[in-house]
Amino acid sequence: MSDSGTKEAVALELLKLIKKAENKTFSPDANGDYSLADREWILTTYGECISTIHNRWYSKEEGEPTHSF
C-alpha cells in the first residue's frame, strides 16, 4: 500500500514546495540564496501544512478554515 495519497504525504509535498519558494534548504551546506531551515521553521511550517490539508484552507491570522471545496 502506498502512502503517497495520505494527508501527511500531501502536507510533506506542500512543505517541500514552500521550502523551495522561501529559498530554504535542509542541507547544512547551504550556499547562494539558500538558508538552512532550522527545527522551528520545519515543525512550524509542517504544522501549517497539516492544518491546511486537514482544514482544506488555512488562515494564519484566524487559525481556522476560510474556504471549503
PDB file of N, CA and C in Angstrom:
ATOM      1  N   MET A   1       0.839  -1.194   0.000  1.00  0.00           N
ATOM      2  CA  MET A   1       0.000   0.000   0.000  1.00  0.00           C
ATOM      3  C   MET A   1       0.874   1.244   0.000  1.00  0.00           C
ATOM      4  N   SER A   2       0.585   2.175  -0.858  1.00  0.00           N
ATOM      5  CA  SER A   2       1.348   3.416  -0.973  1.00  0.00           C
ATOM      6  C   SER A   2       0.762   4.484  -0.059  1.00  0.00           C
ATOM      7  N   ASP A   3       1.652   5.246   0.582  1.00  0.00           N
ATOM      8  CA  ASP A   3       1.220   6.337   1.456  1.00  0.00           C
ATOM      9  C   ASP A   3       1.241   7.683   0.753  1.00  0.00           C
ATOM     10  N   SER A   4       1.459   7.686  -0.565  1.00  0.00           N
ATOM     11  CA  SER A   4       1.624   8.949  -1.286  1.00  0.00           C
ATOM     12  C   SER A   4       0.371   9.813  -1.308  1.00  0.00           C
ATOM     13  N   GLY A   5      -0.786   9.222  -1.031  1.00  0.00           N
ATOM     14  CA  GLY A   5      -2.017   9.998  -1.048  1.00  0.00           C
ATOM     15  C   GLY A   5      -2.540  10.352   0.331  1.00  0.00           C
ATOM     16  N   THR A   6      -1.768  10.010   1.376  1.00  0.00           N
ATOM     17  CA  THR A   6      -2.220  10.342   2.721  1.00  0.00           C
ATOM     18  C   THR A   6      -2.111  11.843   2.951  1.00  0.00           C
ATOM     19  N   LYS A   7      -2.862  12.328   3.912  1.00  0.00           N
ATOM     20  CA  LYS A   7      -2.809  13.760   4.235  1.00  0.00           C
ATOM     21  C   LYS A   7      -1.405  14.168   4.656  1.00  0.00           C
ATOM     22  N   GLU A   8      -0.723  13.291   5.371  1.00  0.00           N
ATOM     23  CA  GLU A   8       0.631  13.595   5.823  1.00  0.00           C
ATOM     24  C   GLU A   8       1.601  13.679   4.646  1.00  0.00           C
ATOM     25  N   ALA A   9       1.446  12.791   3.677  1.00  0.00           N
ATOM     26  CA  ALA A   9       2.313  12.816   2.496  1.00  0.00           C
ATOM     27  C   ALA A   9       2.058  14.069   1.665  1.00  0.00           C
ATOM     28  N   VAL A  10       0.801  14.449   1.547  1.00  0.00           N
ATOM     29  CA  VAL A  10       0.454  15.671   0.811  1.00  0.00           C
ATOM     30  C   VAL A  10       1.028  16.885   1.540  1.00  0.00           C
ATOM     31  N   ALA A  11       0.931  16.901   2.874  1.00  0.00           N
ATOM     32  CA  ALA A  11       1.488  18.005   3.661  1.00  0.00           C
ATOM     33  C   ALA A  11       3.002  18.087   3.485  1.00  0.00           C
ATOM     34  N   LEU A  12       3.673  16.934   3.419  1.00  0.00           N
ATOM     35  CA  LEU A  12       5.118  16.922   3.207  1.00  0.00           C
ATOM     36  C   LEU A  12       5.480  17.493   1.840  1.00  0.00           C
ATOM     37  N   GLU A  13       4.730  17.151   0.817  1.00  0.00           N
ATOM     38  CA  GLU A  13       4.978  17.712  -0.514  1.00  0.00           C
ATOM     39  C   GLU A  13       4.745  19.220  -0.517  1.00  0.00           C
ATOM     40  N   LEU A  14       3.725  19.672   0.188  1.00  0.00           N
ATOM     41  CA  LEU A  14       3.464  21.110   0.312  1.00  0.00           C
ATOM     42  C   LEU A  14       4.619  21.794   1.034  1.00  0.00           C
ATOM     43  N   LEU A  15       5.147  21.158   2.087  1.00  0.00           N
ATOM     44  CA  LEU A  15       6.309  21.690   2.800  1.00  0.00           C
ATOM     45  C   LEU A  15       7.490  21.867   1.850  1.00  0.00           C
ATOM     46  N   LYS A  16       7.714  20.886   0.983  1.00  0.00           N
ATOM     47  CA  LYS A  16       8.825  20.961   0.032  1.00  0.00           C
ATOM     48  C   LYS A  16       8.641  22.119  -0.949  1.00  0.00           C
ATOM     49  N   LEU A  17       7.410  22.350  -1.380  1.00  0.00           N
ATOM     50  CA  LEU A  17       7.143  23.484  -2.279  1.00  0.00           C
ATOM     51  C   LEU A  17       7.404  24.815  -1.579  1.00  0.00           C
ATOM     52  N   ILE A  18       6.965  24.923  -0.338  1.00  0.00           N
ATOM     53  CA  ILE A  18       7.180  26.154   0.434  1.00  0.00           C
ATOM     54  C   ILE A  18       8.660  26.368   0.690  1.00  0.00           C
ATOM     55  N   LYS A  19       9.366  25.279   1.015  1.00  0.00           N
ATOM     56  CA  LYS A  19      10.818  25.352   1.239  1.00  0.00           C
ATOM     57  C   LYS A  19      11.516  25.948   0.031  1.00  0.00           C
ATOM     58  N   LYS A  20      11.146  25.481  -1.129  1.00  0.00           N
ATOM     59  CA  LYS A  20      11.759  25.991  -2.358  1.00  0.00           C
ATOM     60  C   LYS A  20      11.382  27.450  -2.602  1.00  0.00           C
ATOM     61  N   ALA A  21      10.111  27.782  -2.393  1.00  0.00           N
ATOM     62  CA  ALA A  21       9.648  29.159  -2.618  1.00  0.00           C
ATOM     63  C   ALA A  21      10.309  30.147  -1.658  1.00  0.00           C
ATOM     64  N   GLU A  22      10.631  29.678  -0.459  1.00  0.00           N
ATOM     65  CA  GLU A  22      11.249  30.544   0.545  1.00  0.00           C
ATOM     66  C   GLU A  22      12.769  30.409   0.595  1.00  0.00           C
ATOM     67  N   ASN A  23      13.331  29.740  -0.405  1.00  0.00           N
ATOM     68  CA  ASN A  23      14.788  29.573  -0.511  1.00  0.00           C
ATOM     69  C   ASN A  23      15.398  28.977   0.753  1.00  0.00           C
ATOM     70  N   LYS A  24      14.764  27.921   1.239  1.00  0.00           N
ATOM     71  CA  LYS A  24      15.286  27.194   2.397  1.00  0.00           C
ATOM     72  C   LYS A  24      15.897  25.891   1.916  1.00  0.00           C
ATOM     73  N   THR A  25      16.778  25.327   2.728  1.00  0.00           N
ATOM     74  CA  THR A  25      17.381  24.036   2.427  1.00  0.00           C
ATOM     75  C   THR A  25      17.449  23.214   3.702  1.00  0.00           C
ATOM     76  N   PHE A  26      17.460  21.906   3.562  1.00  0.00           N
ATOM     77  CA  PHE A  26      17.637  21.020   4.700  1.00  0.00           C
ATOM     78  C   PHE A  26      19.105  20.651   4.862  1.00  0.00           C
ATOM     79  N   SER A  27      19.931  21.042   3.914  1.00  0.00           N
ATOM     80  CA  SER A  27      21.341  20.697   3.926  1.00  0.00           C
ATOM     81  C   SER A  27      22.150  21.770   4.662  1.00  0.00           C
ATOM     82  N   PRO A  28      23.014  21.354   5.595  1.00  0.00           N
ATOM     83  CA  PRO A  28      23.855  22.343   6.287  1.00  0.00           C
ATOM     84  C   PRO A  28      24.900  22.981   5.376  1.00  0.00           C
ATOM     85  N   ASP A  29      25.037  22.456   4.171  1.00  0.00           N
ATOM     86  CA  ASP A  29      25.986  23.016   3.201  1.00  0.00           C
ATOM     87  C   ASP A  29      25.323  24.080   2.328  1.00  0.00           C
ATOM     88  N   ALA A  30      24.433  24.862   2.914  1.00  0.00           N
ATOM     89  CA  ALA A  30      23.684  25.880   2.164  1.00  0.00           C
ATOM     90  C   ALA A  30      24.644  26.876   1.518  1.00  0.00           C
ATOM     91  N   ASN A  31      24.321  27.229   0.272  1.00  0.00           N
ATOM     92  CA  ASN A  31      25.120  28.236  -0.409  1.00  0.00           C
ATOM     93  C   ASN A  31      24.214  29.118  -1.251  1.00  0.00           C
ATOM     94  N   GLY A  32      24.748  30.202  -1.709  1.00  0.00           N
ATOM     95  CA  GLY A  32      23.981  31.106  -2.565  1.00  0.00           C
ATOM     96  C   GLY A  32      22.836  31.761  -1.820  1.00  0.00           C
ATOM     97  N   ASP A  33      21.659  31.721  -2.434  1.00  0.00           N
ATOM     98  CA  ASP A  33      20.488  32.389  -1.884  1.00  0.00           C
ATOM     99  C   ASP A  33      19.737  31.532  -0.866  1.00  0.00           C
ATOM    100  N   TYR A  34      20.231  30.345  -0.548  1.00  0.00           N
ATOM    101  CA  TYR A  34      19.514  29.435   0.346  1.00  0.00           C
ATOM    102  C   TYR A  34      19.981  29.588   1.781  1.00  0.00           C
ATOM    103  N   SER A  35      19.027  29.480   2.693  1.00  0.00           N
ATOM    104  CA  SER A  35      19.353  29.472   4.116  1.00  0.00           C
ATOM    105  C   SER A  35      18.858  28.168   4.721  1.00  0.00           C
ATOM    106  N   LEU A  36      19.515  27.758   5.777  1.00  0.00           N
ATOM    107  CA  LEU A  36      19.198  26.494   6.415  1.00  0.00           C
ATOM    108  C   LEU A  36      17.853  26.587   7.134  1.00  0.00           C
ATOM    109  N   ALA A  37      16.990  25.635   6.861  1.00  0.00           N
ATOM    110  CA  ALA A  37      15.707  25.542   7.555  1.00  0.00           C
ATOM    111  C   ALA A  37      15.975  24.904   8.913  1.00  0.00           C
ATOM    112  N   ASP A  38      15.780  25.661   9.985  1.00  0.00           N
ATOM    113  CA  ASP A  38      16.039  25.106  11.308  1.00  0.00           C
ATOM    114  C   ASP A  38      14.833  24.314  11.807  1.00  0.00           C
ATOM    115  N   ARG A  39      15.015  23.674  12.953  1.00  0.00           N
ATOM    116  CA  ARG A  39      13.984  22.815  13.529  1.00  0.00           C
ATOM    117  C   ARG A  39      12.666  23.566  13.708  1.00  0.00           C
ATOM    118  N   GLU A  40      12.720  24.775  14.235  1.00  0.00           N
ATOM    119  CA  GLU A  40      11.496  25.550  14.462  1.00  0.00           C
ATOM    120  C   GLU A  40      10.765  25.828  13.149  1.00  0.00           C
ATOM    121  N   TRP A  41      11.511  26.224  12.101  1.00  0.00           N
ATOM    122  CA  TRP A  41      10.886  26.514  10.810  1.00  0.00           C
ATOM    123  C   TRP A  41      10.238  25.253  10.251  1.00  0.00           C
ATOM    124  N   ILE A  42      10.947  24.134  10.321  1.00  0.00           N
ATOM    125  CA  ILE A  42      10.423  22.881   9.774  1.00  0.00           C
ATOM    126  C   ILE A  42       9.138  22.470  10.493  1.00  0.00           C
ATOM    127  N   LEU A  43       9.167  22.439  11.823  1.00  0.00           N
ATOM    128  CA  LEU A  43       7.999  21.994  12.579  1.00  0.00           C
ATOM    129  C   LEU A  43       6.822  22.951  12.439  1.00  0.00           C
ATOM    130  N   THR A  44       7.094  24.249  12.475  1.00  0.00           N
ATOM    131  CA  THR A  44       6.022  25.239  12.322  1.00  0.00           C
ATOM    132  C   THR A  44       5.401  25.158  10.935  1.00  0.00           C
ATOM    133  N   THR A  45       6.237  25.096   9.926  1.00  0.00           N
ATOM    134  CA  THR A  45       5.743  25.065   8.556  1.00  0.00           C
ATOM    135  C   THR A  45       5.000  23.768   8.265  1.00  0.00           C
ATOM    136  N   TYR A  46       5.550  22.637   8.723  1.00  0.00           N
ATOM    137  CA  TYR A  46       4.854  21.364   8.528  1.00  0.00           C
ATOM    138  C   TYR A  46       3.519  21.373   9.271  1.00  0.00           C
ATOM    139  N   GLY A  47       3.488  21.953  10.456  1.00  0.00           N
ATOM    140  CA  GLY A  47       2.237  22.078  11.205  1.00  0.00           C
ATOM    141  C   GLY A  47       1.200  22.889  10.443  1.00  0.00           C
ATOM    142  N   GLU A  48       1.633  23.972   9.814  1.00  0.00           N
ATOM    143  CA  GLU A  48       0.728  24.781   8.988  1.00  0.00           C
ATOM    144  C   GLU A  48       0.244  23.980   7.780  1.00  0.00           C
ATOM    145  N   CYS A  49       1.137  23.172   7.207  1.00  0.00           N
ATOM    146  CA  CYS A  49       0.755  22.342   6.061  1.00  0.00           C
ATOM    147  C   CYS A  49      -0.276  21.294   6.470  1.00  0.00           C
ATOM    148  N   ILE A  50      -0.053  20.639   7.596  1.00  0.00           N
ATOM    149  CA  ILE A  50      -1.010  19.641   8.101  1.00  0.00           C
ATOM    150  C   ILE A  50      -2.360  20.310   8.346  1.00  0.00           C
ATOM    151  N   SER A  51      -2.333  21.477   8.967  1.00  0.00           N
ATOM    152  CA  SER A  51      -3.580  22.199   9.239  1.00  0.00           C
ATOM    153  C   SER A  51      -4.297  22.558   7.939  1.00  0.00           C
ATOM    154  N   THR A  52      -3.532  22.980   6.957  1.00  0.00           N
ATOM    155  CA  THR A  52      -4.108  23.326   5.660  1.00  0.00           C
ATOM    156  C   THR A  52      -4.784  22.116   5.023  1.00  0.00           C
ATOM    157  N   ILE A  53      -4.116  20.978   5.051  1.00  0.00           N
ATOM    158  CA  ILE A  53      -4.662  19.768   4.451  1.00  0.00           C
ATOM    159  C   ILE A  53      -5.904  19.297   5.209  1.00  0.00           C
ATOM    160  N   HIS A  54      -5.823  19.284   6.531  1.00  0.00           N
ATOM    161  CA  HIS A  54      -6.960  18.814   7.331  1.00  0.00           C
ATOM    162  C   HIS A  54      -8.154  19.765   7.262  1.00  0.00           C
ATOM    163  N   ASN A  55      -7.883  21.054   7.228  1.00  0.00           N
ATOM    164  CA  ASN A  55      -8.959  22.047   7.215  1.00  0.00           C
ATOM    165  C   ASN A  55      -9.316  22.526   5.819  1.00  0.00           C
ATOM    166  N   ARG A  56      -8.557  22.075   4.836  1.00  0.00           N
ATOM    167  CA  ARG A  56      -8.721  22.407   3.424  1.00  0.00           C
ATOM    168  C   ARG A  56      -8.269  23.819   3.071  1.00  0.00           C
ATOM    169  N   TRP A  57      -8.234  24.716   3.990  1.00  0.00           N
ATOM    170  CA  TRP A  57      -7.749  26.078   3.741  1.00  0.00           C
ATOM    171  C   TRP A  57      -7.347  26.654   5.076  1.00  0.00           C
ATOM    172  N   TYR A  58      -6.214  27.330   5.151  1.00  0.00           N
ATOM    173  CA  TYR A  58      -5.689  27.781   6.428  1.00  0.00           C
ATOM    174  C   TYR A  58      -5.515  29.290   6.433  1.00  0.00           C
ATOM    175  N   SER A  59      -5.985  29.903   7.484  1.00  0.00           N
ATOM    176  CA  SER A  59      -5.761  31.326   7.694  1.00  0.00           C
ATOM    177  C   SER A  59      -4.900  31.477   8.939  1.00  0.00           C
ATOM    178  N   LYS A  60      -3.667  31.925   8.763  1.00  0.00           N
ATOM    179  CA  LYS A  60      -2.752  32.052   9.894  1.00  0.00           C
ATOM    180  C   LYS A  60      -3.288  33.052  10.919  1.00  0.00           C
ATOM    181  N   GLU A  61      -3.930  34.095  10.451  1.00  0.00           N
ATOM    182  CA  GLU A  61      -4.450  35.112  11.347  1.00  0.00           C
ATOM    183  C   GLU A  61      -5.590  34.563  12.207  1.00  0.00           C
ATOM    184  N   GLU A  62      -6.477  33.787  11.592  1.00  0.00           N
ATOM    185  CA  GLU A  62      -7.651  33.299  12.303  1.00  0.00           C
ATOM    186  C   GLU A  62      -7.469  31.883  12.824  1.00  0.00           C
ATOM    187  N   GLY A  63      -6.564  31.127  12.190  1.00  0.00           N
ATOM    188  CA  GLY A  63      -6.315  29.774  12.615  1.00  0.00           C
ATOM    189  C   GLY A  63      -7.451  28.809  12.354  1.00  0.00           C
ATOM    190  N   GLU A  64      -8.287  29.118  11.407  1.00  0.00           N
ATOM    191  CA  GLU A  64      -9.381  28.210  11.077  1.00  0.00           C
ATOM    192  C   GLU A  64      -9.649  28.246   9.577  1.00  0.00           C
ATOM    193  N   PRO A  65     -10.408  27.290   9.072  1.00  0.00           N
ATOM    194  CA  PRO A  65     -10.658  27.221   7.628  1.00  0.00           C
ATOM    195  C   PRO A  65     -11.338  28.490   7.102  1.00  0.00           C
ATOM    196  N   THR A  66     -10.924  28.895   5.916  1.00  0.00           N
ATOM    197  CA  THR A  66     -11.535  30.078   5.299  1.00  0.00           C
ATOM    198  C   THR A  66     -12.223  29.736   3.990  1.00  0.00           C
ATOM    199  N   HIS A  67     -12.090  28.474   3.550  1.00  0.00           N
ATOM    200  CA  HIS A  67     -12.667  28.100   2.263  1.00  0.00           C
ATOM    201  C   HIS A  67     -12.989  26.613   2.263  1.00  0.00           C
ATOM    202  N   SER A  68     -14.090  26.267   1.685  1.00  0.00           N
ATOM    203  CA  SER A  68     -14.456  24.855   1.529  1.00  0.00           C
ATOM    204  C   SER A  68     -14.456  24.490   0.064  1.00  0.00           C
ATOM    205  N   PHE A  69     -14.030  23.284  -0.212  1.00  0.00           N
ATOM    206  CA  PHE A  69     -14.001  22.809  -1.594  1.00  0.00           C
ATOM    207  C   PHE A  69     -15.199  21.956  -1.881  1.00  0.00           C
TER     208      PHE A  69
END
